[in-house]
C-alpha atoms as a PDB file:
ATOM      1  CA  MET A   1      -2.774  27.513  -8.372  1.00  0.00           C
ATOM      2  CA  ARG A   2       0.423  28.165 -10.324  1.00  0.00           C
ATOM      3  CA  LEU A   3       0.153  31.816  -9.269  1.00  0.00           C
ATOM      4  CA  ALA A   4      -0.577  30.929  -5.631  1.00  0.00           C
ATOM      5  CA  PHE A   5       2.226  28.377  -5.471  1.00  0.00           C
ATOM      6  CA  ARG A   6       4.829  31.043  -6.215  1.00  0.00           C
ATOM      7  CA  THR A   7       4.668  32.036  -2.536  1.00  0.00           C
ATOM      8  CA  VAL A   8       5.198  28.496  -1.215  1.00  0.00           C
ATOM      9  CA  ASN A   9       8.727  27.750  -0.069  1.00  0.00           C
ATOM     10  CA  ARG A  10       8.581  23.969  -0.030  1.00  0.00           C
ATOM     11  CA  PHE A  11       6.228  21.189  -1.123  1.00  0.00           C
ATOM     12  CA  VAL A  12       6.206  17.622   0.159  1.00  0.00           C
ATOM     13  CA  CYS A  13       4.841  14.529  -1.570  1.00  0.00           C
ATOM     14  CA  PHE A  14       5.092  10.809  -0.933  1.00  0.00           C
ATOM     15  CA  SER A  15       6.637   9.373  -4.112  1.00  0.00           C
ATOM     16  CA  ARG A  16       9.208  10.370  -6.705  1.00  0.00           C
ATOM     17  CA  MET A  17       6.568   9.840  -9.383  1.00  0.00           C
ATOM     18  CA  GLU A  18       4.347  12.524  -7.787  1.00  0.00           C
ATOM     19  CA  ARG A  19       7.332  14.839  -7.450  1.00  0.00           C
ATOM     20  CA  SER A  20       7.874  14.802 -11.206  1.00  0.00           C
ATOM     21  CA  LEU A  21       4.137  14.945 -11.946  1.00  0.00           C
ATOM     22  CA  TYR A  22       3.455  18.022  -9.819  1.00  0.00           C
ATOM     23  CA  ALA A  23       6.551  19.839 -11.040  1.00  0.00           C
ATOM     24  CA  ALA A  24       5.375  19.457 -14.637  1.00  0.00           C
ATOM     25  CA  HIS A  25       1.672  20.079 -13.996  1.00  0.00           C
ATOM     26  CA  PHE A  26       2.120  23.228 -11.916  1.00  0.00           C
ATOM     27  CA  ASP A  27       5.252  24.454 -13.701  1.00  0.00           C
ATOM     28  CA  LEU A  28       7.315  24.247 -10.518  1.00  0.00           C
ATOM     29  CA  ASP A  29      11.056  23.940 -10.059  1.00  0.00           C
ATOM     30  CA  ILE A  30      11.357  20.300  -9.020  1.00  0.00           C
ATOM     31  CA  ASP A  31      13.947  21.278  -6.391  1.00  0.00           C
ATOM     32  CA  ARG A  32      11.117  22.993  -4.475  1.00  0.00           C
ATOM     33  CA  ILE A  33       9.442  19.618  -3.988  1.00  0.00           C
ATOM     34  CA  ASP A  34      10.744  17.103  -1.446  1.00  0.00           C
ATOM     35  CA  MET A  35       9.785  13.463  -1.418  1.00  0.00           C
ATOM     36  CA  ILE A  36       9.431  11.703   1.927  1.00  0.00           C
ATOM     37  CA  HIS A  37       7.877   8.317   2.616  1.00  0.00           C
ATOM     38  CA  TRP A  38       4.371   8.152   4.018  1.00  0.00           C
ATOM     39  CA  ALA A  39       4.952   8.372   7.763  1.00  0.00           C
ATOM     40  CA  ALA A  40       2.666   6.770  10.323  1.00  0.00           C
ATOM     41  CA  ARG A  41       2.757   4.914  13.588  1.00  0.00           C
ATOM     42  CA  ARG A  42       1.979   1.201  13.763  1.00  0.00           C
ATOM     43  CA  PRO A  43      -1.750   0.647  13.119  1.00  0.00           C
ATOM     44  CA  PRO A  44      -3.939   0.409  16.223  1.00  0.00           C
ATOM     45  CA  THR A  45      -4.246  -3.336  16.696  1.00  0.00           C
ATOM     46  CA  ASP A  46      -4.742  -5.431  19.803  1.00  0.00           C
ATOM     47  CA  PRO A  47      -2.551  -8.552  19.698  1.00  0.00           C
ATOM     48  CA  ARG A  48      -4.982 -10.231  22.086  1.00  0.00           C
ATOM     49  CA  ALA A  49      -8.048  -9.487  19.965  1.00  0.00           C
ATOM     50  CA  GLU A  50      -9.720 -12.390  18.240  1.00  0.00           C
ATOM     51  CA  ALA A  51      -9.823 -12.386  14.463  1.00  0.00           C
ATOM     52  CA  ILE A  52     -13.111 -11.036  13.146  1.00  0.00           C
ATOM     53  CA  VAL A  53     -12.601 -13.323  10.135  1.00  0.00           C
ATOM     54  CA  ALA A  54     -12.044 -16.941  11.078  1.00  0.00           C
ATOM     55  CA  GLY A  55      -9.637 -19.213   9.242  1.00  0.00           C
ATOM     56  CA  ALA A  56      -6.750 -18.605   6.869  1.00  0.00           C
ATOM     57  CA  TYR A  57      -7.066 -15.890   4.246  1.00  0.00           C
ATOM     58  CA  ILE A  58      -5.342 -13.069   2.379  1.00  0.00           C
ATOM     59  CA  CYS A  59      -6.649  -9.521   2.241  1.00  0.00           C
ATOM     60  CA  ALA A  60      -6.961  -6.485  -0.007  1.00  0.00           C
ATOM     61  CA  ILE A  61      -7.741  -3.149   1.628  1.00  0.00           C
ATOM     62  CA  GLY A  62      -8.484   0.254   0.108  1.00  0.00           C
ATOM     63  CA  SER A  63     -10.396   1.965  -2.675  1.00  0.00           C
ATOM     64  CA  GLN A  64      -8.286   4.648  -4.366  1.00  0.00           C
ATOM     65  CA  GLY A  65      -6.901   3.670  -7.756  1.00  0.00           C
ATOM     66  CA  ARG A  66      -7.678   0.005  -7.220  1.00  0.00           C
ATOM     67  CA  ASP A  67      -8.116  -2.654  -9.913  1.00  0.00           C
ATOM     68  CA  TYR A  68     -10.269  -5.216  -8.172  1.00  0.00           C
ATOM     69  CA  ALA A  69     -11.403  -6.702 -11.475  1.00  0.00           C
ATOM     70  CA  THR A  70      -7.910  -8.101 -12.067  1.00  0.00           C
ATOM     71  CA  LEU A  71      -7.570  -9.337  -8.483  1.00  0.00           C
ATOM     72  CA  ILE A  72     -10.928 -11.099  -8.574  1.00  0.00           C
ATOM     73  CA  ALA A  73     -10.019 -12.658 -11.926  1.00  0.00           C
ATOM     74  CA  ALA A  74      -6.846 -13.951 -10.268  1.00  0.00           C
ATOM     75  CA  MET A  75      -8.822 -15.381  -7.359  1.00  0.00           C
ATOM     76  CA  LYS A  76     -11.033 -17.317  -9.756  1.00  0.00           C
ATOM     77  CA  LEU A  77      -7.863 -19.205 -10.694  1.00  0.00           C
ATOM     78  CA  LEU A  78      -7.176 -19.960  -7.004  1.00  0.00           C
ATOM     79  CA  PRO A  79     -10.395 -21.425  -5.562  1.00  0.00           C
ATOM     80  CA  GLN A  80      -8.454 -22.945  -2.649  1.00  0.00           C
ATOM     81  CA  ILE A  81      -7.364 -19.521  -1.330  1.00  0.00           C
ATOM     82  CA  ARG A  82      -9.722 -17.177   0.470  1.00  0.00           C
ATOM     83  CA  LEU A  83      -9.655 -13.389  -0.063  1.00  0.00           C
ATOM     84  CA  ILE A  84     -11.215 -10.727   2.166  1.00  0.00           C
ATOM     85  CA  VAL A  85     -11.619  -7.340   0.448  1.00  0.00           C
ATOM     86  CA  VAL A  86     -12.185  -4.238   2.574  1.00  0.00           C
ATOM     87  CA  THR A  87     -13.304  -1.388   0.329  1.00  0.00           C
ATOM     88  CA  THR A  88     -16.212   0.788  -0.777  1.00  0.00           C
ATOM     89  CA  PRO A  89     -19.243  -0.511  -2.704  1.00  0.00           C
ATOM     90  CA  GLU A  90     -18.267   1.606  -5.720  1.00  0.00           C
ATOM     91  CA  SER A  91     -14.863  -0.088  -5.993  1.00  0.00           C
ATOM     92  CA  VAL A  92     -16.393  -3.503  -6.627  1.00  0.00           C
ATOM     93  CA  ALA A  93     -19.633  -2.515  -8.352  1.00  0.00           C
ATOM     94  CA  GLY A  94     -20.588  -4.803 -11.199  1.00  0.00           C
ATOM     95  CA  LEU A  95     -17.973  -7.451 -10.423  1.00  0.00           C
ATOM     96  CA  SER A  96     -18.932 -11.112 -10.303  1.00  0.00           C
ATOM     97  CA  LEU A  97     -17.491 -12.639  -7.145  1.00  0.00           C
ATOM     98  CA  PRO A  98     -16.368 -16.267  -6.818  1.00  0.00           C
ATOM     99  CA  GLU A  99     -17.146 -18.153  -3.628  1.00  0.00           C
ATOM    100  CA  ASN A 100     -13.645 -17.627  -2.230  1.00  0.00           C
ATOM    101  CA  VAL A 101     -13.945 -13.809  -2.215  1.00  0.00           C
ATOM    102  CA  GLU A 102     -15.743 -11.910   0.551  1.00  0.00           C
ATOM    103  CA  ILE A 103     -16.374  -8.147   0.493  1.00  0.00           C
ATOM    104  CA  ARG A 104     -16.611  -5.982   3.605  1.00  0.00           C
ATOM    105  CA  CYS A 105     -17.588  -2.402   2.869  1.00  0.00           C
ATOM    106  CA  ASN A 106     -17.058   0.740   4.935  1.00  0.00           C
ATOM    107  CA  ILE A 107     -16.156  -1.038   8.152  1.00  0.00           C
ATOM    108  CA  PRO A 108     -14.449   0.844  11.027  1.00  0.00           C
ATOM    109  CA  LEU A 109     -10.682   1.285  10.887  1.00  0.00           C
ATOM    110  CA  HIS A 110     -10.007  -1.014  13.826  1.00  0.00           C
ATOM    111  CA  GLN A 111     -11.905  -3.801  12.067  1.00  0.00           C
ATOM    112  CA  ALA A 112     -10.031  -3.220   8.812  1.00  0.00           C
ATOM    113  CA  MET A 113      -6.745  -3.419  10.703  1.00  0.00           C
ATOM    114  CA  ASN A 114      -7.923  -6.600  12.417  1.00  0.00           C
ATOM    115  CA  VAL A 115      -8.489  -8.120   8.977  1.00  0.00           C
ATOM    116  CA  LEU A 116      -4.980  -7.046   7.945  1.00  0.00           C
ATOM    117  CA  GLN A 117      -3.402  -8.197  11.217  1.00  0.00           C
ATOM    118  CA  HIS A 118      -4.750 -11.745  10.933  1.00  0.00           C
ATOM    119  CA  SER A 119      -4.230 -12.188   7.175  1.00  0.00           C
ATOM    120  CA  ARG A 120      -1.409 -14.223   5.624  1.00  0.00           C
ATOM    121  CA  PHE A 121      -0.418 -11.244   3.456  1.00  0.00           C
ATOM    122  CA  SER A 122      -1.844  -8.246   1.610  1.00  0.00           C
ATOM    123  CA  VAL A 123      -2.567  -7.626  -2.084  1.00  0.00           C
ATOM    124  CA  ILE A 124      -2.837  -4.143  -3.603  1.00  0.00           C
ATOM    125  CA  PRO A 125      -4.045  -4.214  -7.230  1.00  0.00           C
ATOM    126  CA  LEU A 126      -3.608  -0.831  -8.940  1.00  0.00           C
ATOM    127  CA  ARG A 127      -5.189   0.480 -12.135  1.00  0.00           C
ATOM    128  CA  GLY A 128      -2.022   1.506 -13.946  1.00  0.00           C
ATOM    129  CA  SER A 129       1.750   1.776 -13.995  1.00  0.00           C
ATOM    130  CA  GLU A 130       1.690   5.409 -12.819  1.00  0.00           C
ATOM    131  CA  VAL A 131      -0.760   5.296  -9.925  1.00  0.00           C
ATOM    132  CA  PRO A 132       0.435   6.944  -6.681  1.00  0.00           C
ATOM    133  CA  CYS A 133      -2.126   5.190  -4.478  1.00  0.00           C
ATOM    134  CA  GLY A 134      -1.957   2.538  -1.787  1.00  0.00           C
ATOM    135  CA  HIS A 135       0.721   4.164   0.376  1.00  0.00           C
ATOM    136  CA  VAL A 136      -1.393   4.049   3.538  1.00  0.00           C
ATOM    137  CA  THR A 137      -2.250   0.377   3.084  1.00  0.00           C
ATOM    138  CA  ILE A 138       1.306  -0.580   2.116  1.00  0.00           C
ATOM    139  CA  VAL A 139       2.828   1.126   5.145  1.00  0.00           C
ATOM    140  CA  SER A 140       0.171  -0.280   7.481  1.00  0.00           C
ATOM    141  CA  ALA A 141       0.914  -3.793   6.221  1.00  0.00           C
ATOM    142  CA  MET A 142       4.644  -3.206   6.597  1.00  0.00           C
ATOM    143  CA  HIS A 143       4.272  -2.060  10.201  1.00  0.00           C
ATOM    144  CA  LEU A 144       2.322  -5.263  10.882  1.00  0.00           C
ATOM    145  CA  GLU A 145       5.135  -7.338   9.300  1.00  0.00           C
ATOM    146  CA  LYS A 146       3.023  -8.415   6.340  1.00  0.00           C
ATOM    147  CA  ALA A 147       4.339  -9.149   2.875  1.00  0.00           C
ATOM    148  CA  THR A 148       2.550  -7.289   0.089  1.00  0.00           C
ATOM    149  CA  ILE A 149       1.856  -8.096  -3.535  1.00  0.00           C
ATOM    150  CA  VAL A 150       1.354  -4.870  -5.475  1.00  0.00           C
ATOM    151  CA  THR A 151       0.876  -3.864  -9.088  1.00  0.00           C
ATOM    152  CA  ASP A 152       4.148  -2.632 -10.582  1.00  0.00           C
ATOM    153  CA  SER A 153       3.569   1.133 -10.496  1.00  0.00           C
ATOM    154  CA  SER A 154       6.058   3.995 -10.360  1.00  0.00           C
ATOM    155  CA  GLY A 155       3.770   5.527  -7.734  1.00  0.00           C
ATOM    156  CA  VAL A 156       4.709   2.852  -5.185  1.00  0.00           C
ATOM    157  CA  ALA A 157       8.227   1.962  -6.365  1.00  0.00           C
ATOM    158  CA  ASP A 158       9.677   3.929  -3.434  1.00  0.00           C
ATOM    159  CA  TYR A 159       8.072   1.442  -1.037  1.00  0.00           C
ATOM    160  CA  VAL A 160       7.951  -2.073  -2.470  1.00  0.00           C
ATOM    161  CA  GLU A 161      11.084  -3.631  -3.952  1.00  0.00           C
ATOM    162  CA  ASN A 162      10.282  -6.824  -5.815  1.00  0.00           C
ATOM    163  CA  GLY A 163      11.672  -9.871  -4.032  1.00  0.00           C
ATOM    164  CA  VAL A 164      13.050  -7.811  -1.149  1.00  0.00           C
ATOM    165  CA  ASN A 165      10.103  -6.588   0.946  1.00  0.00           C
ATOM    166  CA  GLY A 166       7.227  -7.620  -1.332  1.00  0.00           C
ATOM    167  CA  LEU A 167       6.336  -8.786  -4.820  1.00  0.00           C
ATOM    168  CA  THR A 168       5.274  -6.751  -7.855  1.00  0.00           C
ATOM    169  CA  VAL A 169       3.200  -7.934 -10.809  1.00  0.00           C
ATOM    170  CA  PRO A 170       2.442  -6.358 -14.207  1.00  0.00           C
ATOM    171  CA  VAL A 171      -0.597  -4.111 -14.623  1.00  0.00           C
ATOM    172  CA  GLY A 172      -3.816  -5.967 -15.398  1.00  0.00           C
ATOM    173  CA  ASP A 173      -2.169  -9.407 -15.481  1.00  0.00           C
ATOM    174  CA  ALA A 174      -4.489 -11.729 -13.575  1.00  0.00           C
ATOM    175  CA  ARG A 175      -2.349 -14.816 -14.197  1.00  0.00           C
ATOM    176  CA  ALA A 176       0.804 -13.129 -12.903  1.00  0.00           C
ATOM    177  CA  MET A 177      -1.104 -11.948  -9.851  1.00  0.00           C
ATOM    178  CA  ALA A 178      -2.492 -15.431  -9.265  1.00  0.00           C
ATOM    179  CA  SER A 179       1.009 -16.886  -9.563  1.00  0.00           C
ATOM    180  CA  ALA A 180       2.404 -14.428  -6.992  1.00  0.00           C
ATOM    181  CA  ILE A 181      -0.479 -15.113  -4.590  1.00  0.00           C
ATOM    182  CA  ASP A 182      -0.069 -18.875  -4.974  1.00  0.00           C
ATOM    183  CA  ARG A 183       3.675 -18.562  -4.375  1.00  0.00           C
ATOM    184  CA  LEU A 184       3.389 -16.649  -1.097  1.00  0.00           C
ATOM    185  CA  TRP A 185       0.505 -18.800   0.091  1.00  0.00           C
ATOM    186  CA  ASN A 186       2.526 -21.988  -0.409  1.00  0.00           C
ATOM    187  CA  GLU A 187       5.897 -20.577   0.703  1.00  0.00           C
ATOM    188  CA  PRO A 188       5.259 -19.276   4.231  1.00  0.00           C
ATOM    189  CA  ALA A 189       8.982 -19.013   5.001  1.00  0.00           C
ATOM    190  CA  HIS A 190       9.540 -16.723   2.005  1.00  0.00           C
ATOM    191  CA  CYS A 191       6.423 -14.744   2.920  1.00  0.00           C
ATOM    192  CA  SER A 192       7.787 -14.299   6.435  1.00  0.00           C
ATOM    193  CA  LEU A 193      11.168 -13.075   5.158  1.00  0.00           C
ATOM    194  CA  LEU A 194       9.441 -10.461   2.989  1.00  0.00           C
ATOM    195  CA  GLY A 195       7.390  -9.379   5.989  1.00  0.00           C
ATOM    196  CA  GLN A 196      10.493  -9.023   8.150  1.00  0.00           C
ATOM    197  CA  ALA A 197      12.167  -6.865   5.499  1.00  0.00           C
ATOM    198  CA  ALA A 198       8.972  -4.829   5.207  1.00  0.00           C
ATOM    199  CA  VAL A 199       8.734  -4.006   8.905  1.00  0.00           C
ATOM    200  CA  ALA A 200      12.421  -3.075   9.003  1.00  0.00           C
ATOM    201  CA  PHE A 201      11.862  -0.672   6.090  1.00  0.00           C
ATOM    202  CA  ALA A 202       8.779   0.826   7.764  1.00  0.00           C
ATOM    203  CA  ARG A 203      10.567   1.416  11.051  1.00  0.00           C
ATOM    204  CA  THR A 204      13.437   3.151   9.291  1.00  0.00           C
ATOM    205  CA  SER A 205      11.664   5.139   6.567  1.00  0.00           C
ATOM    206  CA  CYS A 206       7.935   5.283   7.342  1.00  0.00           C
ATOM    207  CA  SER A 207       7.724   6.155  11.027  1.00  0.00           C
ATOM    208  CA  GLU A 208       6.416   9.327  12.635  1.00  0.00           C
ATOM    209  CA  GLN A 209       9.991   9.955  13.780  1.00  0.00           C
ATOM    210  CA  SER A 210      11.240   9.968  10.192  1.00  0.00           C
ATOM    211  CA  ALA A 211       8.727  12.708   9.338  1.00  0.00           C
ATOM    212  CA  ALA A 212       9.725  14.668  12.444  1.00  0.00           C
ATOM    213  CA  ASN A 213      13.383  14.347  11.442  1.00  0.00           C
ATOM    214  CA  TYR A 214      12.612  15.717   7.978  1.00  0.00           C
ATOM    215  CA  PHE A 215      10.744  18.716   9.400  1.00  0.00           C
ATOM    216  CA  GLU A 216      13.474  19.411  11.945  1.00  0.00           C
ATOM    217  CA  GLY A 217      16.023  19.408   9.129  1.00  0.00           C
ATOM    218  CA  TYR A 218      13.842  21.763   7.113  1.00  0.00           C
ATOM    219  CA  LEU A 219      13.582  24.199   9.998  1.00  0.00           C
ATOM    220  CA  ARG A 220      17.326  24.123  10.581  1.00  0.00           C
ATOM    221  CA  ARG A 221      17.989  24.906   6.899  1.00  0.00           C
ATOM    222  CA  HIS A 222      15.350  27.571   6.306  1.00  0.00           C
ATOM    223  CA  VAL A 223      14.320  29.232   9.563  1.00  0.00           C
ATOM    224  CA  THR A 224      16.613  31.838  11.033  1.00  0.00           C
ATOM    225  CA  SER A 225      16.631  32.777  14.698  1.00  0.00           C
END
């Protein structure tokens, strides 16, 4: 791949952490790699649709690079709060679930987004401090004006700023995660402010238009008439 990549003019990735990683791994000049935020339109949700999960709850969606063991350990400390996890069977295999945690595996996208839409907020537990996963879920939650609690990872630092548009917690720290969950659950006004900041960030940096603007700029710089 190092040989093949010599003919590529420009690479694009979705975090500064990945930019440095790929430059080192493939022996590339880092200036050949651009970082843009994950760009997507607002998830397909119907504001009139009934919630497929009744009652108040928080959610965790996704499977790549996830640390559900820590999240479930945190939920065992919060029996009064309900968690809906949307993931794959492999991501939660072997975990002992408390009564306040419900798993939904491999459900259609519109159902997953319904779970997110009607949740209080989203939690994204990651396996390490250098895990570039969760971008799709983070941006989806932001577009739906949801606050997010995420593991403090350099792979998502370009998206979630602690105390501004979400909360971050240390890797593998179930008590810190439980404390952050309890805080947002019991401080709806603060949770709402984080969600408002999140949707503003998504509209500015994570829209389809922002990706189109990047590509237009690339063409203007590198393509001659």
